[in-house]
Amino acid sequence: MTDTTRLSNRQYTMLLMFASEPKDFILKLEAARGFDQRAFRSMLIREYVAYQPSAKGFRLTALGRNAFHTFESTDITRKDPSLPLTKYFDGTLYGLAARGIKRRRDAA
């Protein structure tokens, strides 16, 4: 199964704020009110943060820390960079030579 961690710019910034702090960091209730509540609500729904009643604040959960790590470490490199660029980029419009389609050796 592939992890599909998707974050908006607000969600990422909220998660970054928690992940940048020490593991035992607690965001106090009053301080939480100062953040965009759309992002804060989504962190609660996804269970990336949880309320800790004894500390009267919110902490980053293991699930949240894992989501942040997944988001930060997603590899976007191609397996074969010699293949052509996306079909939505027409290099001939920019004076680049047209390239033939490279076929895999195992393709019949």
Protein backbone atom coordinates (compact mmCIF):
# COMPACT_ATOMS: atom_id res chain seq x y z
CA MET A 1 0.00 0.00 0.00
CA THR A 2 1.28 3.46 -0.89
CA ASP A 3 1.18 6.23 1.68
CA THR A 4 -0.65 9.21 0.21
CA THR A 5 0.16 12.03 2.60
CA ARG A 6 -1.29 15.15 1.02
CA LEU A 7 -1.08 18.49 2.76
CA SER A 8 -2.27 21.97 1.85
CA ASN A 9 0.01 24.92 2.44
CA ARG A 10 -1.77 25.59 5.75
CA GLN A 11 -1.69 21.97 6.87
CA TYR A 12 2.00 21.64 6.03
CA THR A 13 2.85 24.80 7.97
CA MET A 14 0.85 23.61 10.98
CA LEU A 15 2.51 20.19 10.92
CA LEU A 16 5.93 21.81 10.47
CA MET A 17 5.33 23.94 13.56
CA PHE A 18 4.70 20.82 15.67
CA ALA A 19 7.44 18.71 14.06
CA SER A 20 10.06 21.44 14.57
CA GLU A 21 9.57 21.31 18.33
CA PRO A 22 10.93 18.68 20.77
CA LYS A 23 8.92 15.43 20.94
CA ASP A 24 7.43 16.39 24.31
CA PHE A 25 6.19 19.80 23.05
CA ILE A 26 2.67 20.76 24.12
CA LEU A 27 0.83 23.57 22.34
CA LYS A 28 -1.24 25.20 25.05
CA LEU A 29 -4.95 25.74 24.47
CA GLU A 30 -4.65 29.54 24.43
CA ALA A 31 -1.79 29.44 21.91
CA ALA A 32 -3.77 27.06 19.65
CA ARG A 33 -6.45 29.73 19.28
CA GLY A 34 -3.92 31.92 17.46
CA PHE A 35 -3.60 29.54 14.52
CA ASP A 36 -5.78 29.14 11.44
CA GLN A 37 -8.49 26.79 12.67
CA ARG A 38 -8.99 25.12 9.28
CA ALA A 39 -5.49 23.66 9.44
CA PHE A 40 -5.76 22.95 13.15
CA ARG A 41 -9.08 21.13 12.71
CA SER A 42 -7.67 18.97 9.91
CA MET A 43 -4.72 17.97 12.13
CA LEU A 44 -7.22 16.82 14.78
CA ILE A 45 -9.42 14.94 12.29
CA ARG A 46 -6.41 13.16 10.77
CA GLU A 47 -5.23 12.40 14.30
CA TYR A 48 -1.88 14.08 13.61
CA VAL A 49 -2.33 16.02 16.86
CA ALA A 50 -4.23 15.07 19.98
CA TYR A 51 -5.46 16.94 23.03
CA GLN A 52 -3.68 15.99 26.23
CA PRO A 53 -6.02 16.91 29.11
CA SER A 54 -3.36 16.66 31.83
CA ALA A 55 -1.23 19.28 30.06
CA LYS A 56 -4.19 21.34 28.81
CA GLY A 57 -2.73 21.39 25.33
CA PHE A 58 -2.08 19.56 22.10
CA ARG A 59 0.76 17.23 21.17
CA LEU A 60 1.98 15.78 17.90
CA THR A 61 1.08 12.09 17.62
CA ALA A 62 3.25 9.34 16.15
CA LEU A 63 0.89 9.35 13.16
CA GLY A 64 1.51 13.09 12.68
CA ARG A 65 5.28 12.73 12.98
CA ASN A 66 5.19 9.88 10.45
CA ALA A 67 3.05 11.94 8.03
CA PHE A 68 5.51 14.82 8.30
CA HIS A 69 8.46 12.51 7.65
CA THR A 70 6.68 10.94 4.65
CA PHE A 71 5.83 14.36 3.22
CA GLU A 72 9.37 15.67 3.70
CA SER A 73 11.12 12.58 2.32
CA THR A 74 9.05 11.69 -0.74
CA ASP A 75 11.40 10.84 -3.61
CA ILE A 76 10.44 12.53 -6.86
CA THR A 77 13.31 11.34 -9.04
CA ARG A 78 12.61 9.25 -12.12
CA LYS A 79 13.84 5.70 -12.45
CA ASP A 80 14.95 6.38 -16.02
CA PRO A 81 15.74 10.07 -16.65
CA SER A 82 16.65 9.37 -20.27
CA LEU A 83 12.97 8.95 -21.15
CA PRO A 84 11.22 11.93 -22.79
CA LEU A 85 9.66 14.70 -20.77
CA THR A 86 5.94 14.72 -20.21
CA LYS A 87 3.83 14.80 -23.37
CA TYR A 88 2.45 18.15 -22.17
CA PHE A 89 5.82 19.82 -22.83
CA ASP A 90 6.48 20.47 -26.50
CA GLY A 91 10.20 21.21 -26.76
CA THR A 92 9.92 22.13 -30.44
CA LEU A 93 8.09 25.31 -29.37
CA TYR A 94 11.33 26.35 -27.65
CA GLY A 95 13.67 25.36 -30.45
CA LEU A 96 14.63 21.99 -28.97
CA ALA A 97 15.14 19.03 -31.28
CA ALA A 98 12.38 16.44 -31.26
CA ARG A 99 13.47 13.17 -29.69
CA GLY A 100 12.32 9.73 -30.63
CA ILE A 101 10.52 7.59 -28.10
CA LYS A 102 12.88 5.31 -26.25
CA ARG A 103 11.50 1.81 -26.05
CA ARG A 104 12.28 -0.58 -23.27
CA ARG A 105 14.27 -3.63 -24.32
CA ASP A 106 11.81 -6.02 -22.70
CA ALA A 107 8.85 -4.49 -24.58
CA ALA A 108 7.63 -6.65 -27.43
